[in-house]
């Protein structure tokens, strides 16, 4: 399996994990978003710490990697907080759309900071995937000129920047658990003061749901960290939209939600684009191997 194929597999698994995370967050009920955010990062931090203690990797970071690690943590934390703020203050469909802008900004930042190049096929694949997402999310346009919308968009920009720095660290050999642990610990420290002042008592059911939220988020975090370490954003970011059909399936199974015709059309566009990208990458990968073996 090539590095690209590993990246694609990891980002699809990550999307499923994040879809499960959203399911558990919804099931947790009415709790402050900052409280849910803290649990999300705290569980991921514990898992990353356990892996580091077990494997005891030699962590040697050069000056550039340390800088990227801090950038990833800062932008990632801002992205999470902004996303939760947008979800709490505007329509969920609009907030989801703004958050799904992150792959586009990831590609943009990769071009600007990592000097990666993108061809027309990859560019149009991302555009078509975004069009498919519009059919599924169906943003109403309500409140798009308000502060929450701007905050949500800024969260998408920060998430795209964070994923770009994950890719940069992967290129420099920084281990995934190190990235996840530092980011999660940083986020916990930043959100802890807010948790203390805004803590709401939780039932056993809500506690279990938040623990499951953290577990699902951990899987998603490790998955997306590995994905952007394996392959450039321009080649795999389109597969991040697989979270949409995953979310639709979970919504139907647990809440009886049935997607409308527009959503099914969006699924077709997204899945078709993902398949075209996969076949395109496979073809060029095999052609490259043939050239090298000649």
C-alpha atoms as a PDB file:
ATOM      1  CA  UNK A   1       0.000   0.000   0.000  1.00  0.00           C
ATOM      2  CA  UNK A   2       1.383   3.390  -1.032  1.00  0.00           C
ATOM      3  CA  UNK A   3       1.721   6.405   1.261  1.00  0.00           C
ATOM      4  CA  UNK A   4      -1.201   8.058  -0.548  1.00  0.00           C
ATOM      5  CA  UNK A   5      -3.442   5.039  -0.066  1.00  0.00           C
ATOM      6  CA  UNK A   6      -2.549   4.930   3.630  1.00  0.00           C
ATOM      7  CA  UNK A   7      -3.402   8.614   3.899  1.00  0.00           C
ATOM      8  CA  UNK A   8      -6.765   8.062   2.187  1.00  0.00           C
ATOM      9  CA  UNK A   9      -7.615   5.143   4.479  1.00  0.00           C
ATOM     10  CA  UNK A  10      -6.641   7.124   7.575  1.00  0.00           C
ATOM     11  CA  UNK A  11      -8.689  10.175   6.648  1.00  0.00           C
ATOM     12  CA  UNK A  12     -11.789   8.055   5.914  1.00  0.00           C
ATOM     13  CA  UNK A  13     -11.442   6.296   9.281  1.00  0.00           C
ATOM     14  CA  UNK A  14     -10.937   9.710  10.856  1.00  0.00           C
ATOM     15  CA  UNK A  15     -14.125  11.019   9.222  1.00  0.00           C
ATOM     16  CA  UNK A  16     -16.114   8.080  10.584  1.00  0.00           C
ATOM     17  CA  UNK A  17     -14.690   8.677  14.052  1.00  0.00           C
ATOM     18  CA  UNK A  18     -15.601  12.358  13.952  1.00  0.00           C
ATOM     19  CA  UNK A  19     -19.116  11.466  12.774  1.00  0.00           C
ATOM     20  CA  UNK A  20     -19.405   9.184  15.817  1.00  0.00           C
ATOM     21  CA  UNK A  21     -18.081  12.016  17.985  1.00  0.00           C
ATOM     22  CA  UNK A  22     -20.845  14.326  16.768  1.00  0.00           C
ATOM     23  CA  UNK A  23     -23.394  11.593  17.494  1.00  0.00           C
ATOM     24  CA  UNK A  24     -22.204  11.234  21.092  1.00  0.00           C
ATOM     25  CA  UNK A  25     -22.040  15.019  21.540  1.00  0.00           C
ATOM     26  CA  UNK A  26     -25.668  15.245  20.460  1.00  0.00           C
ATOM     27  CA  UNK A  27     -26.627  12.428  22.819  1.00  0.00           C
ATOM     28  CA  UNK A  28     -24.880  14.180  25.739  1.00  0.00           C
ATOM     29  CA  UNK A  29     -27.641  16.773  25.743  1.00  0.00           C
ATOM     30  CA  UNK A  30     -27.582  20.325  27.055  1.00  0.00           C
ATOM     31  CA  UNK A  31     -24.100  20.972  28.388  1.00  0.00           C
ATOM     32  CA  UNK A  32     -21.773  23.944  27.803  1.00  0.00           C
ATOM     33  CA  UNK A  33     -19.814  23.471  24.591  1.00  0.00           C
ATOM     34  CA  UNK A  34     -16.568  24.322  26.382  1.00  0.00           C
ATOM     35  CA  UNK A  35     -17.221  21.430  28.772  1.00  0.00           C
ATOM     36  CA  UNK A  36     -17.702  19.044  25.860  1.00  0.00           C
ATOM     37  CA  UNK A  37     -14.556  20.424  24.241  1.00  0.00           C
ATOM     38  CA  UNK A  38     -12.474  19.782  27.362  1.00  0.00           C
ATOM     39  CA  UNK A  39     -13.579  16.127  27.534  1.00  0.00           C
ATOM     40  CA  UNK A  40     -12.850  15.765  23.828  1.00  0.00           C
ATOM     41  CA  UNK A  41      -9.243  16.817  24.295  1.00  0.00           C
ATOM     42  CA  UNK A  42      -8.642  15.298  27.730  1.00  0.00           C
ATOM     43  CA  UNK A  43      -9.373  11.719  26.594  1.00  0.00           C
ATOM     44  CA  UNK A  44      -7.191  12.173  23.517  1.00  0.00           C
ATOM     45  CA  UNK A  45      -4.369  13.468  25.721  1.00  0.00           C
ATOM     46  CA  UNK A  46      -4.548  10.400  27.987  1.00  0.00           C
ATOM     47  CA  UNK A  47      -4.442   7.997  25.037  1.00  0.00           C
ATOM     48  CA  UNK A  48      -1.523   9.811  23.442  1.00  0.00           C
ATOM     49  CA  UNK A  49       0.326   9.829  26.784  1.00  0.00           C
ATOM     50  CA  UNK A  50      -0.262   6.081  27.218  1.00  0.00           C
ATOM     51  CA  UNK A  51       1.166   5.401  23.760  1.00  0.00           C
ATOM     52  CA  UNK A  52       4.196   7.575  24.438  1.00  0.00           C
ATOM     53  CA  UNK A  53       4.862   5.867  27.787  1.00  0.00           C
ATOM     54  CA  UNK A  54       4.530   2.430  26.198  1.00  0.00           C
ATOM     55  CA  UNK A  55       6.609   3.040  23.081  1.00  0.00           C
ATOM     56  CA  UNK A  56       9.005   5.546  24.679  1.00  0.00           C
ATOM     57  CA  UNK A  57      10.011   7.072  21.363  1.00  0.00           C
ATOM     58  CA  UNK A  58      13.064   9.252  21.095  1.00  0.00           C
ATOM     59  CA  UNK A  59      11.611  12.721  20.642  1.00  0.00           C
ATOM     60  CA  UNK A  60      14.062  15.004  18.945  1.00  0.00           C
ATOM     61  CA  UNK A  61      12.532  18.177  17.574  1.00  0.00           C
ATOM     62  CA  UNK A  62      14.470  20.740  15.624  1.00  0.00           C
ATOM     63  CA  UNK A  63      13.648  24.422  15.858  1.00  0.00           C
ATOM     64  CA  UNK A  64      11.302  24.325  12.873  1.00  0.00           C
ATOM     65  CA  UNK A  65       9.355  21.317  14.198  1.00  0.00           C
ATOM     66  CA  UNK A  66       8.880  22.966  17.589  1.00  0.00           C
ATOM     67  CA  UNK A  67       7.539  26.045  15.887  1.00  0.00           C
ATOM     68  CA  UNK A  68       5.160  23.973  13.747  1.00  0.00           C
ATOM     69  CA  UNK A  69       3.992  22.063  16.849  1.00  0.00           C
ATOM     70  CA  UNK A  70       3.095  25.290  18.608  1.00  0.00           C
ATOM     71  CA  UNK A  71       1.354  26.637  15.499  1.00  0.00           C
ATOM     72  CA  UNK A  72      -0.625  23.406  15.131  1.00  0.00           C
ATOM     73  CA  UNK A  73      -1.740  23.553  18.764  1.00  0.00           C
ATOM     74  CA  UNK A  74      -2.673  27.224  18.719  1.00  0.00           C
ATOM     75  CA  UNK A  75      -4.592  27.088  15.447  1.00  0.00           C
ATOM     76  CA  UNK A  76      -6.180  23.748  16.327  1.00  0.00           C
ATOM     77  CA  UNK A  77      -7.425  25.008  19.676  1.00  0.00           C
ATOM     78  CA  UNK A  78      -8.818  28.202  18.167  1.00  0.00           C
ATOM     79  CA  UNK A  79     -10.485  26.131  15.460  1.00  0.00           C
ATOM     80  CA  UNK A  80     -12.244  23.898  17.999  1.00  0.00           C
ATOM     81  CA  UNK A  81     -13.423  26.802  20.153  1.00  0.00           C
ATOM     82  CA  UNK A  82     -14.680  28.740  17.128  1.00  0.00           C
ATOM     83  CA  UNK A  83     -16.486  25.692  15.769  1.00  0.00           C
ATOM     84  CA  UNK A  84     -18.291  25.079  19.066  1.00  0.00           C
ATOM     85  CA  UNK A  85     -19.186  28.763  19.300  1.00  0.00           C
ATOM     86  CA  UNK A  86     -20.657  28.721  15.795  1.00  0.00           C
ATOM     87  CA  UNK A  87     -22.645  25.548  16.501  1.00  0.00           C
ATOM     88  CA  UNK A  88     -24.058  27.127  19.674  1.00  0.00           C
ATOM     89  CA  UNK A  89     -25.072  30.435  18.055  1.00  0.00           C
ATOM     90  CA  UNK A  90     -26.252  29.658  14.510  1.00  0.00           C
ATOM     91  CA  UNK A  91     -27.957  27.037  12.402  1.00  0.00           C
ATOM     92  CA  UNK A  92     -26.125  23.736  12.569  1.00  0.00           C
ATOM     93  CA  UNK A  93     -26.142  23.372   8.769  1.00  0.00           C
ATOM     94  CA  UNK A  94     -24.483  26.762   8.318  1.00  0.00           C
ATOM     95  CA  UNK A  95     -21.933  26.067  11.054  1.00  0.00           C
ATOM     96  CA  UNK A  96     -21.111  22.674   9.521  1.00  0.00           C
ATOM     97  CA  UNK A  97     -20.580  24.230   6.112  1.00  0.00           C
ATOM     98  CA  UNK A  98     -18.194  26.829   7.500  1.00  0.00           C
ATOM     99  CA  UNK A  99     -16.244  24.129   9.350  1.00  0.00           C
ATOM    100  CA  UNK A 100     -16.027  22.067   6.155  1.00  0.00           C
ATOM    101  CA  UNK A 101     -14.088  24.918   4.551  1.00  0.00           C
ATOM    102  CA  UNK A 102     -10.999  23.642   6.401  1.00  0.00           C
ATOM    103  CA  UNK A 103      -9.821  21.272   3.610  1.00  0.00           C
ATOM    104  CA  UNK A 104      -9.763  24.173   1.151  1.00  0.00           C
ATOM    105  CA  UNK A 105      -7.716  26.326   3.484  1.00  0.00           C
ATOM    106  CA  UNK A 106      -5.483  23.319   4.170  1.00  0.00           C
ATOM    107  CA  UNK A 107      -4.665  23.079   0.476  1.00  0.00           C
ATOM    108  CA  UNK A 108      -4.189  26.859   0.287  1.00  0.00           C
ATOM    109  CA  UNK A 109      -1.820  26.943   3.257  1.00  0.00           C
ATOM    110  CA  UNK A 110       0.058  23.918   1.912  1.00  0.00           C
ATOM    111  CA  UNK A 111       0.667  25.820  -1.319  1.00  0.00           C
ATOM    112  CA  UNK A 112       1.741  28.962   0.535  1.00  0.00           C
ATOM    113  CA  UNK A 113       3.868  27.480   3.329  1.00  0.00           C
ATOM    114  CA  UNK A 114       4.930  24.014   2.128  1.00  0.00           C
ATOM    115  CA  UNK A 115       5.356  25.029  -1.525  1.00  0.00           C
ATOM    116  CA  UNK A 116       3.214  22.096  -2.673  1.00  0.00           C
ATOM    117  CA  UNK A 117       1.775  22.233  -6.183  1.00  0.00           C
ATOM    118  CA  UNK A 118      -1.728  21.312  -7.289  1.00  0.00           C
ATOM    119  CA  UNK A 119      -2.922  20.286 -10.746  1.00  0.00           C
ATOM    120  CA  UNK A 120      -6.255  21.092 -12.369  1.00  0.00           C
ATOM    121  CA  UNK A 121      -7.745  17.628 -11.755  1.00  0.00           C
ATOM    122  CA  UNK A 122      -7.100  17.847  -8.014  1.00  0.00           C
ATOM    123  CA  UNK A 123      -8.384  21.424  -7.889  1.00  0.00           C
ATOM    124  CA  UNK A 124     -11.650  20.560  -9.657  1.00  0.00           C
ATOM    125  CA  UNK A 125     -12.073  17.449  -7.491  1.00  0.00           C
ATOM    126  CA  UNK A 126     -12.059  19.587  -4.360  1.00  0.00           C
ATOM    127  CA  UNK A 127     -14.462  22.078  -5.961  1.00  0.00           C
ATOM    128  CA  UNK A 128     -16.893  19.308  -6.959  1.00  0.00           C
ATOM    129  CA  UNK A 129     -16.711  17.808  -3.470  1.00  0.00           C
ATOM    130  CA  UNK A 130     -17.604  21.198  -2.029  1.00  0.00           C
ATOM    131  CA  UNK A 131     -20.557  21.488  -4.420  1.00  0.00           C
ATOM    132  CA  UNK A 132     -21.727  18.068  -3.238  1.00  0.00           C
ATOM    133  CA  UNK A 133     -21.438  19.251   0.359  1.00  0.00           C
ATOM    134  CA  UNK A 134     -23.676  22.220  -0.473  1.00  0.00           C
ATOM    135  CA  UNK A 135     -26.404  19.881  -1.696  1.00  0.00           C
ATOM    136  CA  UNK A 136     -26.181  17.885   1.525  1.00  0.00           C
ATOM    137  CA  UNK A 137     -25.848  20.702   4.042  1.00  0.00           C
ATOM    138  CA  UNK A 138     -28.184  23.084   2.189  1.00  0.00           C
ATOM    139  CA  UNK A 139     -27.122  26.287   3.974  1.00  0.00           C
ATOM    140  CA  UNK A 140     -30.025  28.692   4.236  1.00  0.00           C
ATOM    141  CA  UNK A 141     -27.904  31.825   4.196  1.00  0.00           C
ATOM    142  CA  UNK A 142     -29.588  33.029   7.390  1.00  0.00           C
ATOM    143  CA  UNK A 143     -27.235  34.814   9.809  1.00  0.00           C
ATOM    144  CA  UNK A 144     -24.268  34.504   7.445  1.00  0.00           C
ATOM    145  CA  UNK A 145     -23.467  38.169   8.029  1.00  0.00           C
ATOM    146  CA  UNK A 146     -23.403  37.948  11.805  1.00  0.00           C
ATOM    147  CA  UNK A 147     -20.523  37.500  14.225  1.00  0.00           C
ATOM    148  CA  UNK A 148     -21.111  33.736  14.761  1.00  0.00           C
ATOM    149  CA  UNK A 149     -20.723  33.111  11.031  1.00  0.00           C
ATOM    150  CA  UNK A 150     -17.472  35.059  10.934  1.00  0.00           C
ATOM    151  CA  UNK A 151     -16.232  33.145  13.979  1.00  0.00           C
ATOM    152  CA  UNK A 152     -17.187  29.834  12.340  1.00  0.00           C
ATOM    153  CA  UNK A 153     -15.391  30.777   9.128  1.00  0.00           C
ATOM    154  CA  UNK A 154     -12.332  31.787  11.128  1.00  0.00           C
ATOM    155  CA  UNK A 155     -12.500  28.374  12.815  1.00  0.00           C
ATOM    156  CA  UNK A 156     -12.405  26.695   9.416  1.00  0.00           C
ATOM    157  CA  UNK A 157      -9.392  28.789   8.435  1.00  0.00           C
ATOM    158  CA  UNK A 158      -7.593  27.859  11.667  1.00  0.00           C
ATOM    159  CA  UNK A 159      -8.388  24.165  11.231  1.00  0.00           C
ATOM    160  CA  UNK A 160      -6.963  24.284   7.702  1.00  0.00           C
ATOM    161  CA  UNK A 161      -3.800  25.932   9.013  1.00  0.00           C
ATOM    162  CA  UNK A 162      -3.521  23.331  11.792  1.00  0.00           C
ATOM    163  CA  UNK A 163      -3.716  20.423   9.331  1.00  0.00           C
ATOM    164  CA  UNK A 164      -1.080  22.073   7.166  1.00  0.00           C
ATOM    165  CA  UNK A 165       1.363  22.176  10.073  1.00  0.00           C
ATOM    166  CA  UNK A 166       0.537  18.528  10.852  1.00  0.00           C
ATOM    167  CA  UNK A 167       1.634  17.728   7.303  1.00  0.00           C
ATOM    168  CA  UNK A 168       4.799  19.806   7.753  1.00  0.00           C
ATOM    169  CA  UNK A 169       5.725  17.945  10.941  1.00  0.00           C
ATOM    170  CA  UNK A 170       5.020  14.596   9.300  1.00  0.00           C
ATOM    171  CA  UNK A 171       7.501  15.502   6.579  1.00  0.00           C
ATOM    172  CA  UNK A 172      10.087  16.204   9.288  1.00  0.00           C
ATOM    173  CA  UNK A 173       9.503  12.860  11.016  1.00  0.00           C
ATOM    174  CA  UNK A 174       7.563  14.043  14.078  1.00  0.00           C
ATOM    175  CA  UNK A 175       5.579  11.097  15.498  1.00  0.00           C
ATOM    176  CA  UNK A 176       1.775  11.250  15.460  1.00  0.00           C
ATOM    177  CA  UNK A 177       1.353  10.559  19.216  1.00  0.00           C
ATOM    178  CA  UNK A 178       3.691  13.466  20.007  1.00  0.00           C
ATOM    179  CA  UNK A 179       1.596  15.819  17.887  1.00  0.00           C
ATOM    180  CA  UNK A 180      -1.700  14.598  19.368  1.00  0.00           C
ATOM    181  CA  UNK A 181      -0.438  14.725  22.954  1.00  0.00           C
ATOM    182  CA  UNK A 182       1.013  18.221  22.732  1.00  0.00           C
ATOM    183  CA  UNK A 183      -2.055  19.599  20.976  1.00  0.00           C
ATOM    184  CA  UNK A 184      -4.520  17.921  23.371  1.00  0.00           C
ATOM    185  CA  UNK A 185      -2.576  18.986  26.467  1.00  0.00           C
ATOM    186  CA  UNK A 186      -2.319  22.532  25.154  1.00  0.00           C
ATOM    187  CA  UNK A 187      -6.068  22.643  24.484  1.00  0.00           C
ATOM    188  CA  UNK A 188      -6.882  21.266  27.938  1.00  0.00           C
ATOM    189  CA  UNK A 189      -4.738  23.882  29.640  1.00  0.00           C
ATOM    190  CA  UNK A 190      -6.356  26.661  27.637  1.00  0.00           C
ATOM    191  CA  UNK A 191      -9.945  25.500  28.269  1.00  0.00           C
ATOM    192  CA  UNK A 192      -9.500  24.440  31.911  1.00  0.00           C
ATOM    193  CA  UNK A 193     -10.145  27.906  33.420  1.00  0.00           C
ATOM    194  CA  UNK A 194     -13.380  28.179  31.438  1.00  0.00           C
ATOM    195  CA  UNK A 195     -14.413  24.684  32.554  1.00  0.00           C
ATOM    196  CA  UNK A 196     -13.930  25.617  36.204  1.00  0.00           C
ATOM    197  CA  UNK A 197     -16.218  28.639  35.951  1.00  0.00           C
ATOM    198  CA  UNK A 198     -18.816  27.076  33.618  1.00  0.00           C
ATOM    199  CA  UNK A 199     -18.947  23.485  34.895  1.00  0.00           C
ATOM    200  CA  UNK A 200     -22.416  21.926  34.887  1.00  0.00           C
ATOM    201  CA  UNK A 201     -23.175  18.779  36.932  1.00  0.00           C
ATOM    202  CA  UNK A 202     -23.614  15.724  34.700  1.00  0.00           C
ATOM    203  CA  UNK A 203     -25.691  12.586  35.015  1.00  0.00           C
ATOM    204  CA  UNK A 204     -24.080   9.160  34.618  1.00  0.00           C
ATOM    205  CA  UNK A 205     -25.531   8.933  31.111  1.00  0.00           C
ATOM    206  CA  UNK A 206     -24.070  12.301  30.098  1.00  0.00           C
ATOM    207  CA  UNK A 207     -20.703  11.341  31.571  1.00  0.00           C
ATOM    208  CA  UNK A 208     -20.667   8.122  29.535  1.00  0.00           C
ATOM    209  CA  UNK A 209     -21.623  10.016  26.373  1.00  0.00           C
ATOM    210  CA  UNK A 210     -18.806  12.518  26.900  1.00  0.00           C
ATOM    211  CA  UNK A 211     -16.325   9.712  27.523  1.00  0.00           C
ATOM    212  CA  UNK A 212     -17.445   8.108  24.258  1.00  0.00           C
ATOM    213  CA  UNK A 213     -17.116  11.532  22.635  1.00  0.00           C
ATOM    214  CA  UNK A 214     -13.515  11.686  23.787  1.00  0.00           C
ATOM    215  CA  UNK A 215     -12.800   8.159  22.549  1.00  0.00           C
ATOM    216  CA  UNK A 216     -14.290   8.876  19.127  1.00  0.00           C
ATOM    217  CA  UNK A 217     -12.436  12.188  18.926  1.00  0.00           C
ATOM    218  CA  UNK A 218      -9.211  10.387  19.816  1.00  0.00           C
ATOM    219  CA  UNK A 219      -9.691   7.996  16.917  1.00  0.00           C
ATOM    220  CA  UNK A 220     -10.444  10.888  14.618  1.00  0.00           C
ATOM    221  CA  UNK A 221      -7.472  12.909  15.842  1.00  0.00           C
ATOM    222  CA  UNK A 222      -5.000  10.065  15.432  1.00  0.00           C
ATOM    223  CA  UNK A 223      -6.498   9.226  12.056  1.00  0.00           C
ATOM    224  CA  UNK A 224      -6.289  12.699  10.590  1.00  0.00           C
ATOM    225  CA  UNK A 225      -2.818  13.266  12.057  1.00  0.00           C
ATOM    226  CA  UNK A 226      -1.591  10.055  10.406  1.00  0.00           C
ATOM    227  CA  UNK A 227      -3.367  10.942   7.150  1.00  0.00           C
ATOM    228  CA  UNK A 228      -1.639  14.299   6.714  1.00  0.00           C
ATOM    229  CA  UNK A 229       1.667  12.735   7.700  1.00  0.00           C
ATOM    230  CA  UNK A 230       1.291  10.132   4.955  1.00  0.00           C
ATOM    231  CA  UNK A 231       0.158  12.353   2.093  1.00  0.00           C
ATOM    232  CA  UNK A 232      -0.228  15.996   1.014  1.00  0.00           C
ATOM    233  CA  UNK A 233      -3.493  17.798   1.648  1.00  0.00           C
ATOM    234  CA  UNK A 234      -4.076  18.313  -2.070  1.00  0.00           C
ATOM    235  CA  UNK A 235      -4.298  14.527  -2.579  1.00  0.00           C
ATOM    236  CA  UNK A 236      -6.454  13.436   0.362  1.00  0.00           C
ATOM    237  CA  UNK A 237      -8.420  16.417   1.704  1.00  0.00           C
ATOM    238  CA  UNK A 238     -11.345  15.599  -0.613  1.00  0.00           C
ATOM    239  CA  UNK A 239     -11.907  12.368   1.325  1.00  0.00           C
ATOM    240  CA  UNK A 240     -12.645  14.380   4.460  1.00  0.00           C
ATOM    241  CA  UNK A 241     -16.153  14.821   3.025  1.00  0.00           C
ATOM    242  CA  UNK A 242     -16.860  11.144   3.642  1.00  0.00           C
ATOM    243  CA  UNK A 243     -17.948  12.332   7.096  1.00  0.00           C
ATOM    244  CA  UNK A 244     -21.173  13.593   5.501  1.00  0.00           C
ATOM    245  CA  UNK A 245     -22.583  10.216   4.346  1.00  0.00           C
ATOM    246  CA  UNK A 246     -21.345   8.670   7.606  1.00  0.00           C
ATOM    247  CA  UNK A 247     -23.282  11.281   9.561  1.00  0.00           C
ATOM    248  CA  UNK A 248     -26.376  10.701   7.426  1.00  0.00           C
ATOM    249  CA  UNK A 249     -26.239   6.955   8.088  1.00  0.00           C
ATOM    250  CA  UNK A 250     -25.837   7.446  11.841  1.00  0.00           C
ATOM    251  CA  UNK A 251     -28.664   9.978  11.844  1.00  0.00           C
ATOM    252  CA  UNK A 252     -30.982   7.467  10.151  1.00  0.00           C
ATOM    253  CA  UNK A 253     -30.024   4.556  12.434  1.00  0.00           C
ATOM    254  CA  UNK A 254     -30.239   6.459  15.742  1.00  0.00           C
ATOM    255  CA  UNK A 255     -32.747   9.241  15.062  1.00  0.00           C
ATOM    256  CA  UNK A 256     -34.771   8.011  12.086  1.00  0.00           C
ATOM    257  CA  UNK A 257     -33.609  10.927   9.938  1.00  0.00           C
ATOM    258  CA  UNK A 258     -34.092  10.305   6.196  1.00  0.00           C
ATOM    259  CA  UNK A 259     -32.051  12.444   3.766  1.00  0.00           C
ATOM    260  CA  UNK A 260     -33.993  14.231   1.018  1.00  0.00           C
ATOM    261  CA  UNK A 261     -33.342  14.078  -2.705  1.00  0.00           C
ATOM    262  CA  UNK A 262     -30.852  16.953  -2.596  1.00  0.00           C
ATOM    263  CA  UNK A 263     -28.803  15.093   0.016  1.00  0.00           C
ATOM    264  CA  UNK A 264     -28.741  11.900  -2.037  1.00  0.00           C
ATOM    265  CA  UNK A 265     -27.556  13.924  -5.033  1.00  0.00           C
ATOM    266  CA  UNK A 266     -24.821  15.412  -2.858  1.00  0.00           C
ATOM    267  CA  UNK A 267     -23.751  11.949  -1.702  1.00  0.00           C
ATOM    268  CA  UNK A 268     -23.484  10.877  -5.339  1.00  0.00           C
ATOM    269  CA  UNK A 269     -21.266  13.857  -6.184  1.00  0.00           C
ATOM    270  CA  UNK A 270     -19.047  13.393  -3.135  1.00  0.00           C
ATOM    271  CA  UNK A 271     -18.616   9.636  -3.508  1.00  0.00           C
ATOM    272  CA  UNK A 272     -18.147   9.938  -7.259  1.00  0.00           C
ATOM    273  CA  UNK A 273     -15.473  12.605  -6.791  1.00  0.00           C
ATOM    274  CA  UNK A 274     -13.718  10.513  -4.145  1.00  0.00           C
ATOM    275  CA  UNK A 275     -13.739   7.466  -6.454  1.00  0.00           C
ATOM    276  CA  UNK A 276     -12.412   9.539  -9.385  1.00  0.00           C
ATOM    277  CA  UNK A 277      -9.625  10.930  -7.191  1.00  0.00           C
ATOM    278  CA  UNK A 278      -8.731   7.462  -5.956  1.00  0.00           C
ATOM    279  CA  UNK A 279      -8.577   6.015  -9.490  1.00  0.00           C
ATOM    280  CA  UNK A 280      -6.582   9.025 -10.695  1.00  0.00           C
ATOM    281  CA  UNK A 281      -4.020   8.640  -7.918  1.00  0.00           C
ATOM    282  CA  UNK A 282      -3.743   4.898  -8.460  1.00  0.00           C
ATOM    283  CA  UNK A 283      -3.171   5.345 -12.188  1.00  0.00           C
ATOM    284  CA  UNK A 284      -0.455   7.959 -11.701  1.00  0.00           C
ATOM    285  CA  UNK A 285       1.135   5.945  -8.899  1.00  0.00           C
ATOM    286  CA  UNK A 286       1.436   2.858 -11.101  1.00  0.00           C
ATOM    287  CA  UNK A 287       2.719   4.937 -14.028  1.00  0.00           C
ATOM    288  CA  UNK A 288       5.399   6.400 -11.764  1.00  0.00           C
ATOM    289  CA  UNK A 289       6.431   2.906 -10.658  1.00  0.00           C
ATOM    290  CA  UNK A 290       6.642   1.781 -14.291  1.00  0.00           C
ATOM    291  CA  UNK A 291       8.878   4.737 -15.159  1.00  0.00           C
ATOM    292  CA  UNK A 292      11.159   4.025 -12.200  1.00  0.00           C
ATOM    293  CA  UNK A 293      11.478   0.320 -13.055  1.00  0.00           C
ATOM    294  CA  UNK A 294      12.352   0.958 -16.691  1.00  0.00           C
END
